[in-house]
Structures are given as C-alpha cells and as structure tokens.
Amino acid sequence: ALAADYERLNFLRVLRSHPAEQIT
C-alpha cells in the first residue's frame, strides 16, 4: 500500500541523486 497519495498528485519533489563513490 503505497504511502504516496496517488489520487491527488499536485506537487512532487525531484531528488537530486549523486552517483555512488566507486572504490578503485
């Protein structure tokens, strides 16, 4: 049961994702 209210999607937040650090 999704926590987001899909019946009233008026505003959304787009999360800026940063690529994970790669161990070389």
mmCIF file of all heavy atoms, coordinates in Angstrom:
data_MODEL
# 
_entry.id   MODEL 
# 
loop_
_atom_site.group_PDB 
_atom_site.id 
_atom_site.type_symbol 
_atom_site.label_atom_id 
_atom_site.label_alt_id 
_atom_site.label_comp_id 
_atom_site.label_asym_id 
_atom_site.label_entity_id 
_atom_site.label_seq_id 
_atom_site.pdbx_PDB_ins_code 
_atom_site.Cartn_x 
_atom_site.Cartn_y 
_atom_site.Cartn_z 
_atom_site.occupancy 
_atom_site.B_iso_or_equiv 
_atom_site.pdbx_formal_charge 
_atom_site.auth_seq_id 
_atom_site.auth_comp_id 
_atom_site.auth_asym_id 
_atom_site.auth_atom_id 
_atom_site.pdbx_PDB_model_num 
ATOM 1   N N   . ALA A 1 1  ? 0.867   -1.179 0.000   1.00 0.00 ? 1  ALA A N   1 
ATOM 2   C CA  . ALA A 1 1  ? 0.000   0.000  0.000   1.00 0.00 ? 1  ALA A CA  1 
ATOM 3   C C   . ALA A 1 1  ? 0.900   1.223  0.000   1.00 0.00 ? 1  ALA A C   1 
ATOM 4   O O   . ALA A 1 1  ? 1.550   1.535  1.003   1.00 0.00 ? 1  ALA A O   1 
ATOM 5   C CB  . ALA A 1 1  ? -0.919  -0.009 1.223   1.00 0.00 ? 1  ALA A CB  1 
ATOM 6   N N   . LEU A 1 2  ? 0.958   1.916  -1.124  1.00 0.00 ? 2  LEU A N   1 
ATOM 7   C CA  . LEU A 1 2  ? 1.916   2.999  -1.311  1.00 0.00 ? 2  LEU A CA  1 
ATOM 8   C C   . LEU A 1 2  ? 1.600   4.168  -0.381  1.00 0.00 ? 2  LEU A C   1 
ATOM 9   O O   . LEU A 1 2  ? 0.430   4.525  -0.176  1.00 0.00 ? 2  LEU A O   1 
ATOM 10  C CB  . LEU A 1 2  ? 1.901   3.457  -2.762  1.00 0.00 ? 2  LEU A CB  1 
ATOM 11  C CG  . LEU A 1 2  ? 2.280   2.366  -3.775  1.00 0.00 ? 2  LEU A CG  1 
ATOM 12  C CD1 . LEU A 1 2  ? 2.095   2.872  -5.189  1.00 0.00 ? 2  LEU A CD1 1 
ATOM 13  C CD2 . LEU A 1 2  ? 3.719   1.916  -3.558  1.00 0.00 ? 2  LEU A CD2 1 
ATOM 14  N N   . ALA A 1 3  ? 2.654   4.750  0.183   1.00 0.00 ? 3  ALA A N   1 
ATOM 15  C CA  . ALA A 1 3  ? 2.483   5.875  1.103   1.00 0.00 ? 3  ALA A CA  1 
ATOM 16  C C   . ALA A 1 3  ? 2.103   7.148  0.371   1.00 0.00 ? 3  ALA A C   1 
ATOM 17  O O   . ALA A 1 3  ? 1.444   8.029  0.944   1.00 0.00 ? 3  ALA A O   1 
ATOM 18  C CB  . ALA A 1 3  ? 3.770   6.094  1.905   1.00 0.00 ? 3  ALA A CB  1 
ATOM 19  N N   . ALA A 1 4  ? 2.498   7.285  -0.883  1.00 0.00 ? 4  ALA A N   1 
ATOM 20  C CA  . ALA A 1 4  ? 2.160   8.485  -1.658  1.00 0.00 ? 4  ALA A CA  1 
ATOM 21  C C   . ALA A 1 4  ? 0.672   8.486  -1.996  1.00 0.00 ? 4  ALA A C   1 
ATOM 22  O O   . ALA A 1 4  ? 0.067   7.431  -2.212  1.00 0.00 ? 4  ALA A O   1 
ATOM 23  C CB  . ALA A 1 4  ? 2.989   8.535  -2.940  1.00 0.00 ? 4  ALA A CB  1 
ATOM 24  N N   . ASP A 1 5  ? 0.089   9.680  -2.023  1.00 0.00 ? 5  ASP A N   1 
ATOM 25  C CA  . ASP A 1 5  ? -1.324  9.833  -2.349  1.00 0.00 ? 5  ASP A CA  1 
ATOM 26  C C   . ASP A 1 5  ? -1.462  9.964  -3.860  1.00 0.00 ? 5  ASP A C   1 
ATOM 27  O O   . ASP A 1 5  ? -1.375  11.059 -4.424  1.00 0.00 ? 5  ASP A O   1 
ATOM 28  C CB  . ASP A 1 5  ? -1.894  11.065 -1.639  1.00 0.00 ? 5  ASP A CB  1 
ATOM 29  C CG  . ASP A 1 5  ? -3.399  11.185 -1.817  1.00 0.00 ? 5  ASP A CG  1 
ATOM 30  O OD1 . ASP A 1 5  ? -3.996  10.275 -2.437  1.00 0.00 ? 5  ASP A OD1 1 
ATOM 31  O OD2 . ASP A 1 5  ? -3.978  12.168 -1.351  1.00 0.00 ? 5  ASP A OD2 1 
ATOM 32  N N   . TYR A 1 6  ? -1.668  8.837  -4.532  1.00 0.00 ? 6  TYR A N   1 
ATOM 33  C CA  . TYR A 1 6  ? -1.720  8.844  -5.985  1.00 0.00 ? 6  TYR A CA  1 
ATOM 34  C C   . TYR A 1 6  ? -3.010  9.461  -6.517  1.00 0.00 ? 6  TYR A C   1 
ATOM 35  O O   . TYR A 1 6  ? -3.097  9.764  -7.704  1.00 0.00 ? 6  TYR A O   1 
ATOM 36  C CB  . TYR A 1 6  ? -1.575  7.414  -6.516  1.00 0.00 ? 6  TYR A CB  1 
ATOM 37  C CG  . TYR A 1 6  ? -0.139  6.943  -6.577  1.00 0.00 ? 6  TYR A CG  1 
ATOM 38  C CD1 . TYR A 1 6  ? 0.570   6.658  -5.420  1.00 0.00 ? 6  TYR A CD1 1 
ATOM 39  C CD2 . TYR A 1 6  ? 0.515   6.808  -7.793  1.00 0.00 ? 6  TYR A CD2 1 
ATOM 40  C CE1 . TYR A 1 6  ? 1.878   6.244  -5.468  1.00 0.00 ? 6  TYR A CE1 1 
ATOM 41  C CE2 . TYR A 1 6  ? 1.829   6.397  -7.854  1.00 0.00 ? 6  TYR A CE2 1 
ATOM 42  C CZ  . TYR A 1 6  ? 2.515   6.114  -6.683  1.00 0.00 ? 6  TYR A CZ  1 
ATOM 43  O OH  . TYR A 1 6  ? 3.820   5.722  -6.741  1.00 0.00 ? 6  TYR A OH  1 
ATOM 44  N N   . GLU A 1 7  ? -4.015  9.641  -5.657  1.00 0.00 ? 7  GLU A N   1 
ATOM 45  C CA  . GLU A 1 7  ? -5.259  10.245 -6.114  1.00 0.00 ? 7  GLU A CA  1 
ATOM 46  C C   . GLU A 1 7  ? -5.125  11.748 -6.282  1.00 0.00 ? 7  GLU A C   1 
ATOM 47  O O   . GLU A 1 7  ? -5.872  12.367 -7.039  1.00 0.00 ? 7  GLU A O   1 
ATOM 48  C CB  . GLU A 1 7  ? -6.385  9.934  -5.114  1.00 0.00 ? 7  GLU A CB  1 
ATOM 49  C CG  . GLU A 1 7  ? -6.693  8.454  -4.952  1.00 0.00 ? 7  GLU A CG  1 
ATOM 50  C CD  . GLU A 1 7  ? -7.201  7.836  -6.236  1.00 0.00 ? 7  GLU A CD  1 
ATOM 51  O OE1 . GLU A 1 7  ? -7.854  8.559  -7.023  1.00 0.00 ? 7  GLU A OE1 1 
ATOM 52  O OE2 . GLU A 1 7  ? -6.927  6.645  -6.467  1.00 0.00 ? 7  GLU A OE2 1 
ATOM 53  N N   . ARG A 1 8  ? -4.178  12.355 -5.561  1.00 0.00 ? 8  ARG A N   1 
ATOM 54  C CA  . ARG A 1 8  ? -4.005  13.816 -5.618  1.00 0.00 ? 8  ARG A CA  1 
ATOM 55  C C   . ARG A 1 8  ? -2.517  14.140 -5.715  1.00 0.00 ? 8  ARG A C   1 
ATOM 56  O O   . ARG A 1 8  ? -1.915  14.584 -4.739  1.00 0.00 ? 8  ARG A O   1 
ATOM 57  C CB  . ARG A 1 8  ? -4.631  14.480 -4.391  1.00 0.00 ? 8  ARG A CB  1 
ATOM 58  C CG  . ARG A 1 8  ? -6.145  14.359 -4.339  1.00 0.00 ? 8  ARG A CG  1 
ATOM 59  C CD  . ARG A 1 8  ? -6.696  15.057 -3.114  1.00 0.00 ? 8  ARG A CD  1 
ATOM 60  N NE  . ARG A 1 8  ? -8.135  15.035 -3.076  1.00 0.00 ? 8  ARG A NE  1 
ATOM 61  C CZ  . ARG A 1 8  ? -8.856  14.065 -2.551  1.00 0.00 ? 8  ARG A CZ  1 
ATOM 62  N NH1 . ARG A 1 8  ? -8.241  13.012 -2.037  1.00 0.00 ? 8  ARG A NH1 1 
ATOM 63  N NH2 . ARG A 1 8  ? -10.167 14.105 -2.544  1.00 0.00 ? 8  ARG A NH2 1 
ATOM 64  N N   . LEU A 1 9  ? -1.946  13.915 -6.854  1.00 0.00 ? 9  LEU A N   1 
ATOM 65  C CA  . LEU A 1 9  ? -0.547  14.263 -7.086  1.00 0.00 ? 9  LEU A CA  1 
ATOM 66  C C   . LEU A 1 9  ? -0.505  15.677 -7.654  1.00 0.00 ? 9  LEU A C   1 
ATOM 67  O O   . LEU A 1 9  ? -0.584  15.888 -8.870  1.00 0.00 ? 9  LEU A O   1 
ATOM 68  C CB  . LEU A 1 9  ? 0.092   13.265 -8.047  1.00 0.00 ? 9  LEU A CB  1 
ATOM 69  C CG  . LEU A 1 9  ? 0.266   11.832 -7.529  1.00 0.00 ? 9  LEU A CG  1 
ATOM 70  C CD1 . LEU A 1 9  ? 0.883   10.953 -8.603  1.00 0.00 ? 9  LEU A CD1 1 
ATOM 71  C CD2 . LEU A 1 9  ? 1.112   11.808 -6.271  1.00 0.00 ? 9  LEU A CD2 1 
ATOM 72  N N   . ASN A 1 10 ? -0.399  16.651 -6.759  1.00 0.00 ? 10 ASN A N   1 
ATOM 73  C CA  . ASN A 1 10 ? -0.369  18.049 -7.179  1.00 0.00 ? 10 ASN A CA  1 
ATOM 74  C C   . ASN A 1 10 ? 1.053   18.602 -7.230  1.00 0.00 ? 10 ASN A C   1 
ATOM 75  O O   . ASN A 1 10 ? 1.391   19.374 -8.111  1.00 0.00 ? 10 ASN A O   1 
ATOM 76  C CB  . ASN A 1 10 ? -1.221  18.902 -6.242  1.00 0.00 ? 10 ASN A CB  1 
ATOM 77  C CG  . ASN A 1 10 ? -2.668  18.462 -6.233  1.00 0.00 ? 10 ASN A CG  1 
ATOM 78  O OD1 . ASN A 1 10 ? -3.200  18.077 -7.255  1.00 0.00 ? 10 ASN A OD1 1 
ATOM 79  N ND2 . ASN A 1 10 ? -3.314  18.514 -5.077  1.00 0.00 ? 10 ASN A ND2 1 
ATOM 80  N N   . PHE A 1 11 ? 1.859   18.230 -6.230  1.00 0.00 ? 11 PHE A N   1 
ATOM 81  C CA  . PHE A 1 11 ? 3.235   18.691 -6.149  1.00 0.00 ? 11 PHE A CA  1 
ATOM 82  C C   . PHE A 1 11 ? 4.144   17.471 -5.971  1.00 0.00 ? 11 PHE A C   1 
ATOM 83  O O   . PHE A 1 11 ? 3.807   16.543 -5.243  1.00 0.00 ? 11 PHE A O   1 
ATOM 84  C CB  . PHE A 1 11 ? 3.441   19.647 -4.957  1.00 0.00 ? 11 PHE A CB  1 
ATOM 85  C CG  . PHE A 1 11 ? 2.527   20.835 -4.982  1.00 0.00 ? 11 PHE A CG  1 
ATOM 86  C CD1 . PHE A 1 11 ? 1.324   20.805 -4.291  1.00 0.00 ? 11 PHE A CD1 1 
ATOM 87  C CD2 . PHE A 1 11 ? 2.866   21.972 -5.682  1.00 0.00 ? 11 PHE A CD2 1 
ATOM 88  C CE1 . PHE A 1 11 ? 0.477   21.884 -4.305  1.00 0.00 ? 11 PHE A CE1 1 
ATOM 89  C CE2 . PHE A 1 11 ? 2.022   23.061 -5.702  1.00 0.00 ? 11 PHE A CE2 1 
ATOM 90  C CZ  . PHE A 1 11 ? 0.822   23.023 -5.014  1.00 0.00 ? 11 PHE A CZ  1 
ATOM 91  N N   . LEU A 1 12 ? 5.297   17.496 -6.620  1.00 0.00 ? 12 LEU A N   1 
ATOM 92  C CA  . LEU A 1 12 ? 6.267   16.420 -6.483  1.00 0.00 ? 12 LEU A CA  1 
ATOM 93  C C   . LEU A 1 12 ? 7.645   17.027 -6.246  1.00 0.00 ? 12 LEU A C   1 
ATOM 94  O O   . LEU A 1 12 ? 7.960   18.120 -6.722  1.00 0.00 ? 12 LEU A O   1 
ATOM 95  C CB  . LEU A 1 12 ? 6.305   15.537 -7.739  1.00 0.00 ? 12 LEU A CB  1 
ATOM 96  C CG  . LEU A 1 12 ? 5.071   14.674 -8.020  1.00 0.00 ? 12 LEU A CG  1 
ATOM 97  C CD1 . LEU A 1 12 ? 5.302   13.828 -9.256  1.00 0.00 ? 12 LEU A CD1 1 
ATOM 98  C CD2 . LEU A 1 12 ? 4.728   13.799 -6.830  1.00 0.00 ? 12 LEU A CD2 1 
ATOM 99  N N   . ARG A 1 13 ? 8.453   16.299 -5.493  1.00 0.00 ? 13 ARG A N   1 
ATOM 100 C CA  . ARG A 1 13 ? 9.842   16.683 -5.250  1.00 0.00 ? 13 ARG A CA  1 
ATOM 101 C C   . ARG A 1 13 ? 10.746  15.749 -6.037  1.00 0.00 ? 13 ARG A C   1 
ATOM 102 O O   . ARG A 1 13 ? 10.634  14.526 -5.928  1.00 0.00 ? 13 ARG A O   1 
ATOM 103 C CB  . ARG A 1 13 ? 10.184  16.583 -3.761  1.00 0.00 ? 13 ARG A CB  1 
ATOM 104 C CG  . ARG A 1 13 ? 9.335   17.452 -2.875  1.00 0.00 ? 13 ARG A CG  1 
ATOM 105 C CD  . ARG A 1 13 ? 9.668   17.208 -1.421  1.00 0.00 ? 13 ARG A CD  1 
ATOM 106 N NE  . ARG A 1 13 ? 11.062  17.523 -1.149  1.00 0.00 ? 13 ARG A NE  1 
ATOM 107 C CZ  . ARG A 1 13 ? 11.800  16.914 -0.230  1.00 0.00 ? 13 ARG A CZ  1 
ATOM 108 N NH1 . ARG A 1 13 ? 11.291  15.935 0.477   1.00 0.00 ? 13 ARG A NH1 1 
ATOM 109 N NH2 . ARG A 1 13 ? 13.042  17.279 -0.030  1.00 0.00 ? 13 ARG A NH2 1 
ATOM 110 N N   . VAL A 1 14 ? 11.615  16.331 -6.823  1.00 0.00 ? 14 VAL A N   1 
ATOM 111 C CA  . VAL A 1 14 ? 12.597  15.556 -7.581  1.00 0.00 ? 14 VAL A CA  1 
ATOM 112 C C   . VAL A 1 14 ? 13.899  15.586 -6.787  1.00 0.00 ? 14 VAL A C   1 
ATOM 113 O O   . VAL A 1 14 ? 14.474  16.652 -6.554  1.00 0.00 ? 14 VAL A O   1 
ATOM 114 C CB  . VAL A 1 14 ? 12.808  16.137 -8.989  1.00 0.00 ? 14 VAL A CB  1 
ATOM 115 C CG1 . VAL A 1 14 ? 13.785  15.280 -9.775  1.00 0.00 ? 14 VAL A CG1 1 
ATOM 116 C CG2 . VAL A 1 14 ? 11.471  16.253 -9.719  1.00 0.00 ? 14 VAL A CG2 1 
ATOM 117 N N   . LEU A 1 15 ? 14.355  14.397 -6.350  1.00 0.00 ? 15 LEU A N   1 
ATOM 118 C CA  . LEU A 1 15 ? 15.570  14.301 -5.536  1.00 0.00 ? 15 LEU A CA  1 
ATOM 119 C C   . LEU A 1 15 ? 16.796  14.256 -6.432  1.00 0.00 ? 15 LEU A C   1 
ATOM 120 O O   . LEU A 1 15 ? 16.894  13.406 -7.323  1.00 0.00 ? 15 LEU A O   1 
ATOM 121 C CB  . LEU A 1 15 ? 15.514  13.050 -4.648  1.00 0.00 ? 15 LEU A CB  1 
ATOM 122 C CG  . LEU A 1 15 ? 14.315  12.946 -3.695  1.00 0.00 ? 15 LEU A CG  1 
ATOM 123 C CD1 . LEU A 1 15 ? 14.413  11.670 -2.884  1.00 0.00 ? 15 LEU A CD1 1 
ATOM 124 C CD2 . LEU A 1 15 ? 14.249  14.148 -2.770  1.00 0.00 ? 15 LEU A CD2 1 
ATOM 125 N N   . ARG A 1 16 ? 17.717  15.168 -6.177  1.00 0.00 ? 16 ARG A N   1 
ATOM 126 C CA  . ARG A 1 16 ? 18.970  15.161 -6.929  1.00 0.00 ? 16 ARG A CA  1 
ATOM 127 C C   . ARG A 1 16 ? 19.847  14.019 -6.408  1.00 0.00 ? 16 ARG A C   1 
ATOM 128 O O   . ARG A 1 16 ? 20.349  14.076 -5.289  1.00 0.00 ? 16 ARG A O   1 
ATOM 129 C CB  . ARG A 1 16 ? 19.694  16.492 -6.769  1.00 0.00 ? 16 ARG A CB  1 
ATOM 130 C CG  . ARG A 1 16 ? 18.996  17.685 -7.415  1.00 0.00 ? 16 ARG A CG  1 
ATOM 131 C CD  . ARG A 1 16 ? 19.923  18.883 -7.401  1.00 0.00 ? 16 ARG A CD  1 
ATOM 132 N NE  . ARG A 1 16 ? 19.317  20.043 -8.030  1.00 0.00 ? 16 ARG A NE  1 
ATOM 133 C CZ  . ARG A 1 16 ? 18.704  21.013 -7.353  1.00 0.00 ? 16 ARG A CZ  1 
ATOM 134 N NH1 . ARG A 1 16 ? 18.604  20.937 -6.032  1.00 0.00 ? 16 ARG A NH1 1 
ATOM 135 N NH2 . ARG A 1 16 ? 18.186  22.033 -7.991  1.00 0.00 ? 16 ARG A NH2 1 
ATOM 136 N N   . SER A 1 17 ? 20.011  12.997 -7.201  1.00 0.00 ? 17 SER A N   1 
ATOM 137 C CA  . SER A 1 17 ? 20.813  11.845 -6.804  1.00 0.00 ? 17 SER A CA  1 
ATOM 138 C C   . SER A 1 17 ? 22.241  12.037 -7.279  1.00 0.00 ? 17 SER A C   1 
ATOM 139 O O   . SER A 1 17 ? 22.471  12.462 -8.420  1.00 0.00 ? 17 SER A O   1 
ATOM 140 C CB  . SER A 1 17 ? 20.244  10.545 -7.389  1.00 0.00 ? 17 SER A CB  1 
ATOM 141 O OG  . SER A 1 17 ? 18.915  10.358 -6.953  1.00 0.00 ? 17 SER A OG  1 
ATOM 142 N N   . HIS A 1 18 ? 23.190  11.725 -6.413  1.00 0.00 ? 18 HIS A N   1 
ATOM 143 C CA  . HIS A 1 18 ? 24.598  11.798 -6.767  1.00 0.00 ? 18 HIS A CA  1 
ATOM 144 C C   . HIS A 1 18 ? 25.124  10.379 -6.954  1.00 0.00 ? 18 HIS A C   1 
ATOM 145 O O   . HIS A 1 18 ? 24.787  9.476  -6.179  1.00 0.00 ? 18 HIS A O   1 
ATOM 146 C CB  . HIS A 1 18 ? 25.391  12.507 -5.676  1.00 0.00 ? 18 HIS A CB  1 
ATOM 147 C CG  . HIS A 1 18 ? 24.888  13.899 -5.412  1.00 0.00 ? 18 HIS A CG  1 
ATOM 148 N ND1 . HIS A 1 18 ? 25.151  14.952 -6.244  1.00 0.00 ? 18 HIS A ND1 1 
ATOM 149 C CD2 . HIS A 1 18 ? 24.117  14.399 -4.414  1.00 0.00 ? 18 HIS A CD2 1 
ATOM 150 C CE1 . HIS A 1 18 ? 24.581  16.047 -5.771  1.00 0.00 ? 18 HIS A CE1 1 
ATOM 151 N NE2 . HIS A 1 18 ? 23.943  15.737 -4.655  1.00 0.00 ? 18 HIS A NE2 1 
ATOM 152 N N   . PRO A 1 19 ? 25.913  10.149 -7.966  1.00 0.00 ? 19 PRO A N   1 
ATOM 153 C CA  . PRO A 1 19 ? 26.425  8.784  -8.181  1.00 0.00 ? 19 PRO A CA  1 
ATOM 154 C C   . PRO A 1 19 ? 27.245  8.315  -6.998  1.00 0.00 ? 19 PRO A C   1 
ATOM 155 O O   . PRO A 1 19 ? 27.960  9.091  -6.362  1.00 0.00 ? 19 PRO A O   1 
ATOM 156 C CB  . PRO A 1 19 ? 27.282  8.922  -9.446  1.00 0.00 ? 19 PRO A CB  1 
ATOM 157 C CG  . PRO A 1 19 ? 27.595  10.380 -9.561  1.00 0.00 ? 19 PRO A CG  1 
ATOM 158 C CD  . PRO A 1 19 ? 26.431  11.106 -8.953  1.00 0.00 ? 19 PRO A CD  1 
ATOM 159 N N   . ALA A 1 20 ? 27.087  7.030  -6.681  1.00 0.00 ? 20 ALA A N   1 
ATOM 160 C CA  . ALA A 1 20 ? 27.812  6.466  -5.537  1.00 0.00 ? 20 ALA A CA  1 
ATOM 161 C C   . ALA A 1 20 ? 29.317  6.465  -5.810  1.00 0.00 ? 20 ALA A C   1 
ATOM 162 O O   . ALA A 1 20 ? 29.770  6.344  -6.956  1.00 0.00 ? 20 ALA A O   1 
ATOM 163 C CB  . ALA A 1 20 ? 27.331  5.042  -5.256  1.00 0.00 ? 20 ALA A CB  1 
ATOM 164 N N   . GLU A 1 21 ? 30.060  6.609  -4.740  1.00 0.00 ? 21 GLU A N   1 
ATOM 165 C CA  . GLU A 1 21 ? 31.526  6.627  -4.869  1.00 0.00 ? 21 GLU A CA  1 
ATOM 166 C C   . GLU A 1 21 ? 32.016  5.241  -5.267  1.00 0.00 ? 21 GLU A C   1 
ATOM 167 O O   . GLU A 1 21 ? 31.631  4.238  -4.686  1.00 0.00 ? 21 GLU A O   1 
ATOM 168 C CB  . GLU A 1 21 ? 32.141  7.054  -3.532  1.00 0.00 ? 21 GLU A CB  1 
ATOM 169 C CG  . GLU A 1 21 ? 33.655  7.142  -3.583  1.00 0.00 ? 21 GLU A CG  1 
ATOM 170 C CD  . GLU A 1 21 ? 34.225  7.562  -2.247  1.00 0.00 ? 21 GLU A CD  1 
ATOM 171 O OE1 . GLU A 1 21 ? 33.426  7.828  -1.326  1.00 0.00 ? 21 GLU A OE1 1 
ATOM 172 O OE2 . GLU A 1 21 ? 35.454  7.601  -2.133  1.00 0.00 ? 21 GLU A OE2 1 
ATOM 173 N N   . GLN A 1 22 ? 32.885  5.192  -6.279  1.00 0.00 ? 22 GLN A N   1 
ATOM 174 C CA  . GLN A 1 22 ? 33.406  3.917  -6.770  1.00 0.00 ? 22 GLN A CA  1 
ATOM 175 C C   . GLN A 1 22 ? 34.789  3.693  -6.188  1.00 0.00 ? 22 GLN A C   1 
ATOM 176 O O   . GLN A 1 22 ? 35.660  4.556  -6.262  1.00 0.00 ? 22 GLN A O   1 
ATOM 177 C CB  . GLN A 1 22 ? 33.480  3.944  -8.292  1.00 0.00 ? 22 GLN A CB  1 
ATOM 178 C CG  . GLN A 1 22 ? 32.141  4.298  -8.874  1.00 0.00 ? 22 GLN A CG  1 
ATOM 179 C CD  . GLN A 1 22 ? 31.648  3.271  -9.821  1.00 0.00 ? 22 GLN A CD  1 
ATOM 180 O OE1 . GLN A 1 22 ? 32.377  2.405  -10.236 1.00 0.00 ? 22 GLN A OE1 1 
ATOM 181 N NE2 . GLN A 1 22 ? 30.385  3.350  -10.131 1.00 0.00 ? 22 GLN A NE2 1 
ATOM 182 N N   . ILE A 1 23 ? 34.994  2.529  -5.570  1.00 0.00 ? 23 ILE A N   1 
ATOM 183 C CA  . ILE A 1 23 ? 36.282  2.181  -4.971  1.00 0.00 ? 23 ILE A CA  1 
ATOM 184 C C   . ILE A 1 23 ? 37.109  1.468  -6.031  1.00 0.00 ? 23 ILE A C   1 
ATOM 185 O O   . ILE A 1 23 ? 36.772  0.370  -6.482  1.00 0.00 ? 23 ILE A O   1 
ATOM 186 C CB  . ILE A 1 23 ? 36.088  1.302  -3.728  1.00 0.00 ? 23 ILE A CB  1 
ATOM 187 C CG1 . ILE A 1 23 ? 35.266  2.046  -2.695  1.00 0.00 ? 23 ILE A CG1 1 
ATOM 188 C CG2 . ILE A 1 23 ? 37.426  0.870  -3.163  1.00 0.00 ? 23 ILE A CG2 1 
ATOM 189 C CD1 . ILE A 1 23 ? 34.939  1.240  -1.470  1.00 0.00 ? 23 ILE A CD1 1 
ATOM 190 N N   . THR A 1 24 ? 38.202  2.090  -6.437  1.00 0.00 ? 24 THR A N   1 
ATOM 191 C CA  . THR A 1 24 ? 39.067  1.512  -7.474  1.00 0.00 ? 24 THR A CA  1 
ATOM 192 C C   . THR A 1 24 ? 40.411  1.040  -6.933  1.00 0.00 ? 24 THR A C   1 
ATOM 193 O O   . THR A 1 24 ? 41.119  0.283  -7.588  1.00 0.00 ? 24 THR A O   1 
ATOM 194 C CB  . THR A 1 24 ? 39.333  2.538  -8.585  1.00 0.00 ? 24 THR A CB  1 
ATOM 195 O OG1 . THR A 1 24 ? 39.902  3.722  -8.006  1.00 0.00 ? 24 THR A OG1 1 
ATOM 196 C CG2 . THR A 1 24 ? 38.018  2.921  -9.273  1.00 0.00 ? 24 THR A CG2 1 
# 
